[in-house]
C-alpha atoms as a PDB file:
ATOM      1  CA  MET A   1      21.611 -17.978  -1.321  1.00  0.00           C
ATOM      2  CA  LEU A   2      22.964 -17.056  -4.738  1.00  0.00           C
ATOM      3  CA  LYS A   3      22.308 -19.677  -7.422  1.00  0.00           C
ATOM      4  CA  CYS A   4      23.949 -19.725 -10.844  1.00  0.00           C
ATOM      5  CA  PRO A   5      21.227 -20.050 -13.541  1.00  0.00           C
ATOM      6  CA  TYR A   6      23.659 -21.889 -15.860  1.00  0.00           C
ATOM      7  CA  CYS A   7      25.359 -24.556 -13.726  1.00  0.00           C
ATOM      8  CA  GLY A   8      23.094 -24.570 -10.664  1.00  0.00           C
ATOM      9  CA  PHE A   9      25.927 -23.896  -8.194  1.00  0.00           C
ATOM     10  CA  GLU A  10      24.605 -22.478  -4.929  1.00  0.00           C
ATOM     11  CA  ASN A  11      26.548 -19.973  -2.836  1.00  0.00           C
ATOM     12  CA  PRO A  12      24.915 -19.258   0.552  1.00  0.00           C
ATOM     13  CA  ILE A  13      24.792 -15.649   1.704  1.00  0.00           C
ATOM     14  CA  PRO A  14      26.535 -15.527   5.118  1.00  0.00           C
ATOM     15  CA  LYS A  15      24.068 -14.882   7.925  1.00  0.00           C
ATOM     16  CA  SER A  16      24.867 -11.659   9.741  1.00  0.00           C
ATOM     17  CA  ASP A  17      24.716 -11.370  13.528  1.00  0.00           C
ATOM     18  CA  ALA A  18      24.117  -7.622  13.189  1.00  0.00           C
ATOM     19  CA  GLN A  19      20.747  -6.172  14.124  1.00  0.00           C
ATOM     20  CA  VAL A  20      18.536  -3.990  11.948  1.00  0.00           C
ATOM     21  CA  GLU A  21      18.723  -0.871  14.081  1.00  0.00           C
ATOM     22  CA  GLU A  22      16.548   2.207  14.217  1.00  0.00           C
ATOM     23  CA  GLN A  23      18.291   5.521  13.475  1.00  0.00           C
ATOM     24  CA  ASP A  24      17.599   8.782  15.249  1.00  0.00           C
ATOM     25  CA  TYR A  25      15.506  10.897  12.900  1.00  0.00           C
ATOM     26  CA  ARG A  26      16.459  14.409  14.000  1.00  0.00           C
ATOM     27  CA  SER A  27      20.190  13.803  14.382  1.00  0.00           C
ATOM     28  CA  PHE A  28      20.256  12.139  10.959  1.00  0.00           C
ATOM     29  CA  LEU A  29      18.665  15.184   9.325  1.00  0.00           C
ATOM     30  CA  GLU A  30      21.068  17.495  11.152  1.00  0.00           C
ATOM     31  CA  GLN A  31      24.061  15.508   9.923  1.00  0.00           C
ATOM     32  CA  ALA A  32      22.627  15.687   6.388  1.00  0.00           C
ATOM     33  CA  ALA A  33      23.238  11.984   5.745  1.00  0.00           C
ATOM     34  CA  ASN A  34      26.984  11.616   6.214  1.00  0.00           C
ATOM     35  CA  GLU A  35      29.156   9.359   4.073  1.00  0.00           C
ATOM     36  CA  LYS A  36      28.906   6.387   6.436  1.00  0.00           C
ATOM     37  CA  GLU A  37      25.122   6.258   6.247  1.00  0.00           C
ATOM     38  CA  THR A  38      24.803   6.687   2.468  1.00  0.00           C
ATOM     39  CA  HIS A  39      25.907   4.830  -0.641  1.00  0.00           C
ATOM     40  CA  GLU A  40      26.372   5.630  -4.289  1.00  0.00           C
ATOM     41  CA  ALA A  41      23.707   4.353  -6.676  1.00  0.00           C
ATOM     42  CA  HIS A  42      23.569   4.302 -10.460  1.00  0.00           C
ATOM     43  CA  ARG A  43      20.042   5.603 -10.904  1.00  0.00           C
ATOM     44  CA  VAL A  44      18.055   5.360 -14.106  1.00  0.00           C
ATOM     45  CA  LYS A  45      14.709   7.080 -14.619  1.00  0.00           C
ATOM     46  CA  CYS A  46      11.967   5.870 -16.904  1.00  0.00           C
ATOM     47  CA  ASP A  47      10.761   8.715 -19.138  1.00  0.00           C
ATOM     48  CA  LYS A  48       7.450   6.914 -19.622  1.00  0.00           C
ATOM     49  CA  CYS A  49       6.217   6.434 -16.024  1.00  0.00           C
ATOM     50  CA  GLY A  50       8.815   8.259 -13.901  1.00  0.00           C
ATOM     51  CA  ALA A  51      10.018   5.214 -11.962  1.00  0.00           C
ATOM     52  CA  GLU A  52      13.610   5.373 -10.704  1.00  0.00           C
ATOM     53  CA  THR A  53      15.567   2.179 -10.180  1.00  0.00           C
ATOM     54  CA  THR A  54      19.176   1.362  -9.517  1.00  0.00           C
ATOM     55  CA  MET A  55      21.213  -0.307 -12.202  1.00  0.00           C
ATOM     56  CA  PRO A  56      24.432  -2.323 -11.935  1.00  0.00           C
ATOM     57  CA  PRO A  57      27.425  -0.334 -13.263  1.00  0.00           C
ATOM     58  CA  GLU A  58      28.059  -2.853 -16.058  1.00  0.00           C
ATOM     59  CA  LEU A  59      24.584  -2.276 -17.603  1.00  0.00           C
ATOM     60  CA  THR A  60      23.659   0.709 -19.746  1.00  0.00           C
ATOM     61  CA  SER A  61      20.034  -0.112 -20.636  1.00  0.00           C
ATOM     62  CA  ALA A  62      17.134  -2.126 -19.279  1.00  0.00           C
ATOM     63  CA  VAL A  63      13.357  -2.511 -19.417  1.00  0.00           C
ATOM     64  CA  CYS A  64      11.293  -0.620 -16.848  1.00  0.00           C
ATOM     65  CA  PRO A  65       9.618  -3.190 -14.561  1.00  0.00           C
ATOM     66  CA  PHE A  66       6.772  -0.752 -13.852  1.00  0.00           C
ATOM     67  CA  CYS A  67       5.568  -0.026 -17.396  1.00  0.00           C
ATOM     68  CA  GLY A  68       7.683  -2.128 -19.787  1.00  0.00           C
ATOM     69  CA  ALA A  69       9.317   0.844 -21.543  1.00  0.00           C
ATOM     70  CA  ASN A  70      13.016   0.931 -22.411  1.00  0.00           C
ATOM     71  CA  MET A  71      15.311   2.717 -19.950  1.00  0.00           C
ATOM     72  CA  VAL A  72      18.785   4.061 -20.737  1.00  0.00           C
ATOM     73  CA  PHE A  73      21.337   4.958 -18.059  1.00  0.00           C
ATOM     74  CA  SER A  74      22.211   8.652 -18.327  1.00  0.00           C
ATOM     75  CA  GLY A  75      25.445   8.419 -16.338  1.00  0.00           C
ATOM     76  CA  GLU A  76      23.960   9.998 -13.198  1.00  0.00           C
ATOM     77  CA  VAL A  77      25.288   8.658  -9.903  1.00  0.00           C
ATOM     78  CA  SER A  78      23.379   9.701  -6.783  1.00  0.00           C
ATOM     79  CA  ARG A  79      24.163   9.428  -3.097  1.00  0.00           C
ATOM     80  CA  LEU A  80      21.239   7.821  -1.305  1.00  0.00           C
ATOM     81  CA  ILE A  81      20.491   6.853   2.272  1.00  0.00           C
ATOM     82  CA  LYS A  82      21.691   3.302   2.691  1.00  0.00           C
ATOM     83  CA  PRO A  83      19.015   0.686   3.469  1.00  0.00           C
ATOM     84  CA  GLU A  84      19.187  -0.680   7.004  1.00  0.00           C
ATOM     85  CA  GLY A  85      17.483  -3.946   6.238  1.00  0.00           C
ATOM     86  CA  LEU A  86      15.353  -5.934   3.836  1.00  0.00           C
ATOM     87  CA  LEU A  87      13.133  -8.971   3.534  1.00  0.00           C
ATOM     88  CA  PRO A  88      14.706 -11.504   1.132  1.00  0.00           C
ATOM     89  CA  PHE A  89      12.637 -13.045  -1.658  1.00  0.00           C
ATOM     90  CA  LYS A  90      10.783 -16.101  -0.335  1.00  0.00           C
ATOM     91  CA  TYR A  91       8.537 -16.923  -3.323  1.00  0.00           C
ATOM     92  CA  THR A  92      10.511 -17.987  -6.393  1.00  0.00           C
ATOM     93  CA  GLN A  93       9.645 -16.743  -9.861  1.00  0.00           C
ATOM     94  CA  ASN A  94       7.889 -20.050 -10.586  1.00  0.00           C
ATOM     95  CA  ASP A  95       5.858 -19.721  -7.381  1.00  0.00           C
ATOM     96  CA  ALA A  96       4.944 -16.162  -8.330  1.00  0.00           C
ATOM     97  CA  PHE A  97       3.859 -17.212 -11.828  1.00  0.00           C
ATOM     98  CA  GLU A  98       1.588 -19.900 -10.433  1.00  0.00           C
ATOM     99  CA  ALA A  99      -0.019 -17.333  -8.135  1.00  0.00           C
ATOM    100  CA  PHE A 100      -0.321 -14.935 -11.095  1.00  0.00           C
ATOM    101  CA  ARG A 101      -2.007 -17.570 -13.281  1.00  0.00           C
ATOM    102  CA  ARG A 102      -4.467 -18.505 -10.549  1.00  0.00           C
ATOM    103  CA  TRP A 103      -5.344 -14.811 -10.228  1.00  0.00           C
ATOM    104  CA  ILE A 104      -5.890 -14.550 -14.000  1.00  0.00           C
ATOM    105  CA  ARG A 105      -8.098 -17.656 -14.082  1.00  0.00           C
ATOM    106  CA  ARG A 106     -10.444 -16.114 -11.513  1.00  0.00           C
ATOM    107  CA  MET A 107     -11.033 -13.042 -13.695  1.00  0.00           C
ATOM    108  CA  TRP A 108     -14.329 -12.487 -15.449  1.00  0.00           C
ATOM    109  CA  PHE A 109     -14.324 -10.637 -18.780  1.00  0.00           C
ATOM    110  CA  ALA A 110     -10.511 -10.659 -19.079  1.00  0.00           C
ATOM    111  CA  PRO A 111      -9.134 -10.236 -22.636  1.00  0.00           C
ATOM    112  CA  GLY A 112      -7.846 -13.437 -24.185  1.00  0.00           C
ATOM    113  CA  ASP A 113      -4.382 -11.981 -24.814  1.00  0.00           C
ATOM    114  CA  LEU A 114      -4.034 -11.282 -21.079  1.00  0.00           C
ATOM    115  CA  LYS A 115      -4.217 -15.025 -20.439  1.00  0.00           C
ATOM    116  CA  GLN A 116      -1.668 -15.570 -23.212  1.00  0.00           C
ATOM    117  CA  TYR A 117       0.543 -12.967 -21.553  1.00  0.00           C
ATOM    118  CA  ALA A 118       0.308 -14.922 -18.277  1.00  0.00           C
ATOM    119  CA  GLN A 119       2.079 -17.837 -19.991  1.00  0.00           C
ATOM    120  CA  SER A 120       5.208 -15.757 -20.713  1.00  0.00           C
ATOM    121  CA  ASP A 121       7.669 -16.499 -17.925  1.00  0.00           C
ATOM    122  CA  SER A 122       9.975 -13.640 -18.945  1.00  0.00           C
ATOM    123  CA  ARG A 123       7.437 -10.930 -18.082  1.00  0.00           C
ATOM    124  CA  LEU A 124       7.683 -11.149 -14.279  1.00  0.00           C
ATOM    125  CA  ALA A 125      10.499  -9.128 -12.677  1.00  0.00           C
ATOM    126  CA  GLY A 126      11.723  -9.263  -9.103  1.00  0.00           C
ATOM    127  CA  ILE A 127      12.216  -5.841  -7.581  1.00  0.00           C
ATOM    128  CA  TYR A 128      12.861  -4.439  -4.115  1.00  0.00           C
ATOM    129  CA  ILE A 129      10.465  -1.606  -3.255  1.00  0.00           C
ATOM    130  CA  PRO A 130      11.728   1.146  -0.884  1.00  0.00           C
ATOM    131  CA  TYR A 131       9.903   1.896   2.361  1.00  0.00           C
ATOM    132  CA  TRP A 132      10.461   3.979   5.476  1.00  0.00           C
ATOM    133  CA  THR A 133       9.425   2.865   8.930  1.00  0.00           C
ATOM    134  CA  TYR A 134       8.981   5.358  11.770  1.00  0.00           C
ATOM    135  CA  ASP A 135       8.736   5.051  15.553  1.00  0.00           C
ATOM    136  CA  SER A 136       7.651   7.903  17.775  1.00  0.00           C
ATOM    137  CA  ASP A 137       6.280   8.796  21.179  1.00  0.00           C
ATOM    138  CA  THR A 138       3.652  11.537  21.036  1.00  0.00           C
ATOM    139  CA  THR A 139       2.175  13.886  23.628  1.00  0.00           C
ATOM    140  CA  THR A 140      -0.962  15.770  22.589  1.00  0.00           C
ATOM    141  CA  SER A 141      -2.682  18.550  24.497  1.00  0.00           C
ATOM    142  CA  TYR A 142      -6.239  19.185  23.390  1.00  0.00           C
ATOM    143  CA  THR A 143      -9.397  21.177  23.976  1.00  0.00           C
ATOM    144  CA  GLY A 144     -12.855  19.952  23.121  1.00  0.00           C
ATOM    145  CA  GLU A 145     -16.339  19.227  24.406  1.00  0.00           C
ATOM    146  CA  ARG A 146     -17.989  16.250  26.053  1.00  0.00           C
ATOM    147  CA  GLY A 147     -21.539  15.425  24.975  1.00  0.00           C
ATOM    148  CA  GLU A 148     -23.864  13.710  27.470  1.00  0.00           C
ATOM    149  CA  TYR A 149     -27.266  12.417  26.370  1.00  0.00           C
ATOM    150  CA  TYR A 150     -30.436  13.257  28.297  1.00  0.00           C
ATOM    151  CA  TYR A 151     -34.072  12.672  27.463  1.00  0.00           C
ATOM    152  CA  THR A 152     -37.282  14.635  27.778  1.00  0.00           C
ATOM    153  CA  THR A 153     -40.884  13.547  27.310  1.00  0.00           C
ATOM    154  CA  GLU A 154     -42.696  15.190  24.417  1.00  0.00           C
ATOM    155  CA  THR A 155     -46.459  15.197  23.828  1.00  0.00           C
ATOM    156  CA  PHE A 156     -47.775  15.019  20.281  1.00  0.00           C
ATOM    157  CA  THR A 157     -51.044  14.441  18.436  1.00  0.00           C
ATOM    158  CA  ALA A 158     -51.485  11.583  15.995  1.00  0.00           C
ATOM    159  CA  ASN A 159     -54.263  10.419  13.686  1.00  0.00           C
ATOM    160  CA  GLU A 160     -55.286   6.840  14.401  1.00  0.00           C
ATOM    161  CA  SER A 161     -58.247   5.257  12.588  1.00  0.00           C
ATOM    162  CA  GLY A 162     -59.612   8.690  11.780  1.00  0.00           C
ATOM    163  CA  ARG A 163     -59.391   9.900  15.388  1.00  0.00           C
ATOM    164  CA  GLN A 164     -57.047  12.489  16.860  1.00  0.00           C
ATOM    165  CA  VAL A 165     -55.217  10.981  19.843  1.00  0.00           C
ATOM    166  CA  THR A 166     -52.560  12.343  22.176  1.00  0.00           C
ATOM    167  CA  ARG A 167     -49.339  10.368  22.601  1.00  0.00           C
ATOM    168  CA  THR A 168     -45.974  10.870  24.285  1.00  0.00           C
ATOM    169  CA  ARG A 169     -42.438  10.003  23.174  1.00  0.00           C
ATOM    170  CA  GLN A 170     -38.900  10.259  24.512  1.00  0.00           C
ATOM    171  CA  VAL A 171     -36.701  12.818  22.744  1.00  0.00           C
ATOM    172  CA  ARG A 172     -32.906  12.636  23.016  1.00  0.00           C
ATOM    173  CA  HIS A 173     -30.828  15.783  23.557  1.00  0.00           C
ATOM    174  CA  THR A 174     -27.114  16.359  24.039  1.00  0.00           C
ATOM    175  CA  ARG A 175     -25.653  18.489  26.828  1.00  0.00           C
ATOM    176  CA  TRP A 176     -22.184  19.806  25.922  1.00  0.00           C
ATOM    177  CA  THR A 177     -19.538  20.730  28.498  1.00  0.00           C
ATOM    178  CA  PRO A 178     -15.942  21.941  27.904  1.00  0.00           C
ATOM    179  CA  ALA A 179     -13.142  19.361  28.099  1.00  0.00           C
ATOM    180  CA  SER A 180      -9.350  19.540  27.888  1.00  0.00           C
ATOM    181  CA  GLY A 181      -6.422  17.316  28.703  1.00  0.00           C
ATOM    182  CA  THR A 182      -3.298  15.535  27.481  1.00  0.00           C
ATOM    183  CA  VAL A 183      -2.921  12.091  25.886  1.00  0.00           C
ATOM    184  CA  SER A 184       0.206  10.060  25.127  1.00  0.00           C
ATOM    185  CA  ASN A 185       0.709   7.472  22.382  1.00  0.00           C
ATOM    186  CA  THR A 186       3.543   5.217  21.293  1.00  0.00           C
ATOM    187  CA  PHE A 187       3.924   4.220  17.633  1.00  0.00           C
ATOM    188  CA  ASP A 188       6.144   1.430  16.302  1.00  0.00           C
ATOM    189  CA  ASP A 189       7.121   0.646  12.696  1.00  0.00           C
ATOM    190  CA  ILE A 190       4.661   2.866  10.847  1.00  0.00           C
ATOM    191  CA  LEU A 191       5.238   1.691   7.290  1.00  0.00           C
ATOM    192  CA  ILE A 192       5.399   4.384   4.578  1.00  0.00           C
ATOM    193  CA  LEU A 193       5.811   3.604   0.883  1.00  0.00           C
ATOM    194  CA  ALA A 194       8.801   5.558  -0.470  1.00  0.00           C
ATOM    195  CA  SER A 195       7.905   4.864  -4.109  1.00  0.00           C
ATOM    196  CA  LYS A 196       5.782   7.010  -6.407  1.00  0.00           C
ATOM    197  CA  SER A 197       5.747   4.384  -9.147  1.00  0.00           C
ATOM    198  CA  LEU A 198       3.190   2.055  -7.588  1.00  0.00           C
ATOM    199  CA  PRO A 199      -0.496   2.794  -7.025  1.00  0.00           C
ATOM    200  CA  GLN A 200      -0.797   3.316  -3.273  1.00  0.00           C
ATOM    201  CA  LYS A 201      -3.938   1.215  -2.903  1.00  0.00           C
ATOM    202  CA  TYR A 202      -2.320  -1.847  -4.472  1.00  0.00           C
ATOM    203  CA  ALA A 203       0.873  -1.443  -2.474  1.00  0.00           C
ATOM    204  CA  ASP A 204      -1.206  -1.196   0.725  1.00  0.00           C
ATOM    205  CA  SER A 205      -3.155  -4.317  -0.209  1.00  0.00           C
ATOM    206  CA  LEU A 206       0.082  -6.343  -0.316  1.00  0.00           C
ATOM    207  CA  GLU A 207       0.317  -5.974   3.458  1.00  0.00           C
ATOM    208  CA  PRO A 208       0.932  -7.346   5.999  1.00  0.00           C
ATOM    209  CA  TRP A 209       4.693  -7.732   5.815  1.00  0.00           C
ATOM    210  CA  ASP A 210       6.635  -9.855   8.301  1.00  0.00           C
ATOM    211  CA  LEU A 211       8.875  -6.988   9.417  1.00  0.00           C
ATOM    212  CA  GLU A 212      10.043  -9.012  12.423  1.00  0.00           C
ATOM    213  CA  ASP A 213      12.058 -11.116   9.921  1.00  0.00           C
ATOM    214  CA  LEU A 214      14.056  -8.197   8.494  1.00  0.00           C
ATOM    215  CA  VAL A 215      17.724  -8.991   7.901  1.00  0.00           C
ATOM    216  CA  PRO A 216      20.616  -6.502   7.713  1.00  0.00           C
ATOM    217  CA  TYR A 217      21.124  -5.113   4.230  1.00  0.00           C
ATOM    218  CA  ALA A 218      23.768  -6.798   2.070  1.00  0.00           C
ATOM    219  CA  ASP A 219      24.448  -6.264  -1.634  1.00  0.00           C
ATOM    220  CA  GLU A 220      24.317 -10.025  -2.210  1.00  0.00           C
ATOM    221  CA  TYR A 221      20.558 -10.065  -1.641  1.00  0.00           C
ATOM    222  CA  LEU A 222      20.089  -7.814  -4.679  1.00  0.00           C
ATOM    223  CA  SER A 223      21.882 -10.196  -7.042  1.00  0.00           C
ATOM    224  CA  GLY A 224      19.483 -11.031  -9.876  1.00  0.00           C
ATOM    225  CA  PHE A 225      16.943  -8.411  -8.772  1.00  0.00           C
ATOM    226  CA  ARG A 226      16.400  -4.698  -9.258  1.00  0.00           C
ATOM    227  CA  ALA A 227      15.911  -2.142  -6.510  1.00  0.00           C
ATOM    228  CA  GLU A 228      13.843   0.994  -6.878  1.00  0.00           C
ATOM    229  CA  SER A 229      15.297   4.223  -5.509  1.00  0.00           C
ATOM    230  CA  TYR A 230      13.161   6.066  -2.995  1.00  0.00           C
ATOM    231  CA  GLN A 231      11.283   9.061  -4.410  1.00  0.00           C
ATOM    232  CA  VAL A 232       9.715  10.091  -1.122  1.00  0.00           C
ATOM    233  CA  SER A 233      12.370  11.753   1.050  1.00  0.00           C
ATOM    234  CA  LEU A 234      12.938  10.925   4.707  1.00  0.00           C
ATOM    235  CA  ALA A 235      11.251  14.156   5.830  1.00  0.00           C
ATOM    236  CA  GLU A 236       8.330  13.738   3.408  1.00  0.00           C
ATOM    237  CA  GLY A 237       7.829  10.208   4.658  1.00  0.00           C
ATOM    238  CA  PHE A 238       7.565  11.382   8.251  1.00  0.00           C
ATOM    239  CA  GLU A 239       4.882  13.898   7.269  1.00  0.00           C
ATOM    240  CA  GLU A 240       2.899  10.983   5.829  1.00  0.00           C
ATOM    241  CA  ALA A 241       3.524   9.020   9.027  1.00  0.00           C
ATOM    242  CA  LYS A 242       2.058  11.921  11.009  1.00  0.00           C
ATOM    243  CA  GLY A 243      -1.145  11.475   9.048  1.00  0.00           C
ATOM    244  CA  VAL A 244      -1.256   7.799  10.047  1.00  0.00           C
ATOM    245  CA  MET A 245      -0.620   8.719  13.688  1.00  0.00           C
ATOM    246  CA  ALA A 246      -3.298  11.425  13.645  1.00  0.00           C
ATOM    247  CA  SER A 247      -6.144   8.912  13.415  1.00  0.00           C
ATOM    248  CA  ALA A 248      -4.949   6.970  16.468  1.00  0.00           C
ATOM    249  CA  ILE A 249      -4.292  10.205  18.371  1.00  0.00           C
ATOM    250  CA  ARG A 250      -7.833  11.434  17.707  1.00  0.00           C
ATOM    251  CA  ASN A 251      -9.223   8.126  18.977  1.00  0.00           C
ATOM    252  CA  SER A 252      -7.164   8.541  22.160  1.00  0.00           C
ATOM    253  CA  ILE A 253      -8.515  12.073  22.613  1.00  0.00           C
ATOM    254  CA  ARG A 254     -12.096  10.895  22.180  1.00  0.00           C
ATOM    255  CA  GLY A 255     -11.528   8.160  24.737  1.00  0.00           C
ATOM    256  CA  ASP A 256     -10.046  10.686  27.171  1.00  0.00           C
ATOM    257  CA  ILE A 257     -12.936  13.131  26.728  1.00  0.00           C
ATOM    258  CA  GLY A 258     -15.455  10.352  27.370  1.00  0.00           C
ATOM    259  CA  GLY A 259     -19.205  10.892  27.378  1.00  0.00           C
ATOM    260  CA  ASP A 260     -21.597   9.858  24.627  1.00  0.00           C
ATOM    261  CA  GLU A 261     -20.235  12.201  21.934  1.00  0.00           C
ATOM    262  CA  GLN A 262     -17.043  14.201  21.586  1.00  0.00           C
ATOM    263  CA  ARG A 263     -15.935  17.319  19.781  1.00  0.00           C
ATOM    264  CA  ILE A 264     -12.249  18.078  19.265  1.00  0.00           C
ATOM    265  CA  ASN A 265     -11.641  21.806  18.900  1.00  0.00           C
ATOM    266  CA  SER A 266      -7.830  21.843  18.954  1.00  0.00           C
ATOM    267  CA  ALA A 267      -4.961  19.376  19.259  1.00  0.00           C
ATOM    268  CA  ASN A 268      -1.267  20.175  19.578  1.00  0.00           C
ATOM    269  CA  THR A 269       1.028  17.159  19.191  1.00  0.00           C
ATOM    270  CA  GLN A 270       4.696  16.955  20.186  1.00  0.00           C
ATOM    271  CA  TYR A 271       6.747  14.139  18.636  1.00  0.00           C
ATOM    272  CA  GLY A 272       9.590  12.639  20.658  1.00  0.00           C
ATOM    273  CA  LYS A 273      12.068   9.745  20.366  1.00  0.00           C
ATOM    274  CA  ILE A 274      11.621   9.667  16.588  1.00  0.00           C
ATOM    275  CA  THR A 275      13.555   6.883  14.897  1.00  0.00           C
ATOM    276  CA  PHE A 276      13.431   5.465  11.389  1.00  0.00           C
ATOM    277  CA  LYS A 277      14.628   2.679   9.136  1.00  0.00           C
ATOM    278  CA  HIS A 278      15.081   2.616   5.372  1.00  0.00           C
ATOM    279  CA  ILE A 279      14.117  -0.880   4.227  1.00  0.00           C
ATOM    280  CA  LEU A 280      13.519  -2.791   1.000  1.00  0.00           C
ATOM    281  CA  LEU A 281      10.564  -5.157   0.542  1.00  0.00           C
ATOM    282  CA  PRO A 282      10.430  -7.789  -2.240  1.00  0.00           C
ATOM    283  CA  VAL A 283       7.780  -7.733  -4.961  1.00  0.00           C
ATOM    284  CA  TRP A 284       7.331  -9.618  -8.194  1.00  0.00           C
ATOM    285  CA  ILE A 285       5.919  -7.165 -10.718  1.00  0.00           C
ATOM    286  CA  SER A 286       4.648  -7.298 -14.256  1.00  0.00           C
ATOM    287  CA  ALA A 287       3.559  -4.432 -16.485  1.00  0.00           C
ATOM    288  CA  TYR A 288       0.924  -5.401 -19.041  1.00  0.00           C
ATOM    289  CA  ARG A 289       0.099  -2.980 -21.864  1.00  0.00           C
ATOM    290  CA  PHE A 290      -3.417  -3.203 -23.300  1.00  0.00           C
ATOM    291  CA  ARG A 291      -5.021  -0.626 -25.631  1.00  0.00           C
ATOM    292  CA  ASP A 292      -2.272   1.942 -24.865  1.00  0.00           C
ATOM    293  CA  ARG A 293      -2.783   1.609 -21.116  1.00  0.00           C
ATOM    294  CA  VAL A 294      -0.392   0.006 -18.636  1.00  0.00           C
ATOM    295  CA  PHE A 295      -1.775  -2.425 -16.080  1.00  0.00           C
ATOM    296  CA  ARG A 296       0.468  -3.534 -13.218  1.00  0.00           C
ATOM    297  CA  ILE A 297       0.341  -6.854 -11.402  1.00  0.00           C
ATOM    298  CA  LEU A 298       2.074  -7.039  -8.008  1.00  0.00           C
ATOM    299  CA  ILE A 299       2.907 -10.153  -6.010  1.00  0.00           C
ATOM    300  CA  ASN A 300       4.130 -10.071  -2.415  1.00  0.00           C
ATOM    301  CA  ALA A 301       7.293 -12.187  -2.630  1.00  0.00           C
ATOM    302  CA  ARG A 302       6.914 -13.215   1.023  1.00  0.00           C
ATOM    303  CA  THR A 303       3.267 -14.336   1.090  1.00  0.00           C
ATOM    304  CA  GLY A 304       2.249 -14.800  -2.556  1.00  0.00           C
ATOM    305  CA  GLU A 305      -0.568 -12.228  -2.250  1.00  0.00           C
ATOM    306  CA  VAL A 306      -1.518 -10.964  -5.739  1.00  0.00           C
ATOM    307  CA  GLN A 307      -2.911  -7.497  -6.373  1.00  0.00           C
ATOM    308  CA  GLY A 308      -3.135  -5.392  -9.465  1.00  0.00           C
ATOM    309  CA  GLU A 309      -4.969  -3.588 -12.181  1.00  0.00           C
ATOM    310  CA  ARG A 310      -6.849  -5.405 -14.881  1.00  0.00           C
ATOM    311  CA  PRO A 311      -8.371  -4.626 -18.289  1.00  0.00           C
ATOM    312  CA  TYR A 312     -11.822  -5.756 -19.383  1.00  0.00           C
ATOM    313  CA  SER A 313     -12.664  -7.206 -22.773  1.00  0.00           C
ATOM    314  CA  PRO A 314     -15.424  -5.087 -24.351  1.00  0.00           C
ATOM    315  CA  TRP A 315     -16.254  -7.987 -26.690  1.00  0.00           C
ATOM    316  CA  LYS A 316     -16.826 -10.402 -23.839  1.00  0.00           C
ATOM    317  CA  ILE A 317     -18.950  -7.876 -21.953  1.00  0.00           C
ATOM    318  CA  ALA A 318     -20.940  -7.122 -25.104  1.00  0.00           C
ATOM    319  CA  GLY A 319     -21.392 -10.868 -25.695  1.00  0.00           C
ATOM    320  CA  ILE A 320     -22.757 -11.398 -22.175  1.00  0.00           C
ATOM    321  CA  VAL A 321     -25.121  -8.429 -22.546  1.00  0.00           C
ATOM    322  CA  LEU A 322     -26.317  -9.729 -25.920  1.00  0.00           C
ATOM    323  CA  LEU A 323     -26.808 -13.212 -24.502  1.00  0.00           C
ATOM    324  CA  GLY A 324     -28.829 -11.741 -21.649  1.00  0.00           C
ATOM    325  CA  LEU A 325     -31.047  -9.835 -24.089  1.00  0.00           C
ATOM    326  CA  VAL A 326     -31.587 -12.984 -26.147  1.00  0.00           C
ATOM    327  CA  ILE A 327     -32.601 -14.938 -23.039  1.00  0.00           C
ATOM    328  CA  ILE A 328     -34.977 -12.166 -21.923  1.00  0.00           C
ATOM    329  CA  GLY A 329     -36.490 -12.000 -25.423  1.00  0.00           C
ATOM    330  CA  PHE A 330     -36.932 -15.784 -25.461  1.00  0.00           C
ATOM    331  CA  ILE A 331     -38.708 -15.685 -22.099  1.00  0.00           C
ATOM    332  CA  VAL A 332     -40.999 -12.877 -23.312  1.00  0.00           C
ATOM    333  CA  LEU A 333     -41.898 -14.856 -26.456  1.00  0.00           C
ATOM    334  CA  ILE A 334     -42.781 -17.929 -24.410  1.00  0.00           C
ATOM    335  CA  ALA A 335     -44.936 -15.839 -22.057  1.00  0.00           C
ATOM    336  CA  MET A 336     -46.765 -14.231 -25.005  1.00  0.00           C
ATOM    337  CA  SER A 337     -47.362 -17.564 -26.721  1.00  0.00           C
ATOM    338  CA  ARG A 338     -48.923 -18.975 -23.536  1.00  0.00           C
ATOM    339  CA  GLN A 339     -51.279 -16.005 -23.318  1.00  0.00           C
ATOM    340  CA  THR A 340     -52.527 -16.566 -26.856  1.00  0.00           C
END
């Protein structure tokens, strides 16, 4: 629901009976994203970190949620693929701050001003991050080799107690035979980050997402939040999805080859029934600047999972090292005094 921050009035967002539907990938590319499937967006790009977010028409400037730099709207209006669905924010800003503070308290060697920063409620921004999801059926023809183990008995001489003795041992070998065949796989909702503003490893660590709870996109859900524009195109995203599929396809090939070991010499994959969705996933984000570096903290607004980058205090580390040296020196002095 929409809630007024001044009077507290709550206005529920009407629940839609529409379904979040997959779109045909190839036909969409052929139609070059017609007017019905796109929408106009006032995009603003941060010159500092390169992030691109949408901005309401009535605003002309804002602070970049990814690095904290000032952003000014240049007047550019782009036509983007319209999101099919999104996951609404479930964790409130207060919930997110509590999770953030707990994360900070668990940190060793964190600078003191980072903990002070964690007390500033204005530094956590809610933003929708763009993703693609892809479905596909694949058929892969391959050639390779099947390795079967066999053993032979080998005689060798060993030195035991100064005597030369003859012993035997089993030696493993691999017999390779040609193999070929075809495997089929079905992939559902391969999730690809469409942002280049977030470190991939931290975005991945926010998973899993409850994609089964996606709701149809409505502008009302974005009220009070920002939405990042996708920087990875639909076609580029599918190339990344192919890389995710490749690992599972190779496992299927190895299982089909069988034997004790497998070699894959060639694999030719055909992709069919490709569908996609453009979706938005909710994240609370904060950009903390320390010693001219930007550290990002990300919070999954559905689960409260906190991930991010962190600075270390050189003074605290130096203090611990010095304390350790003092303790070691004290122990050495005690040991020497006992010897004398």
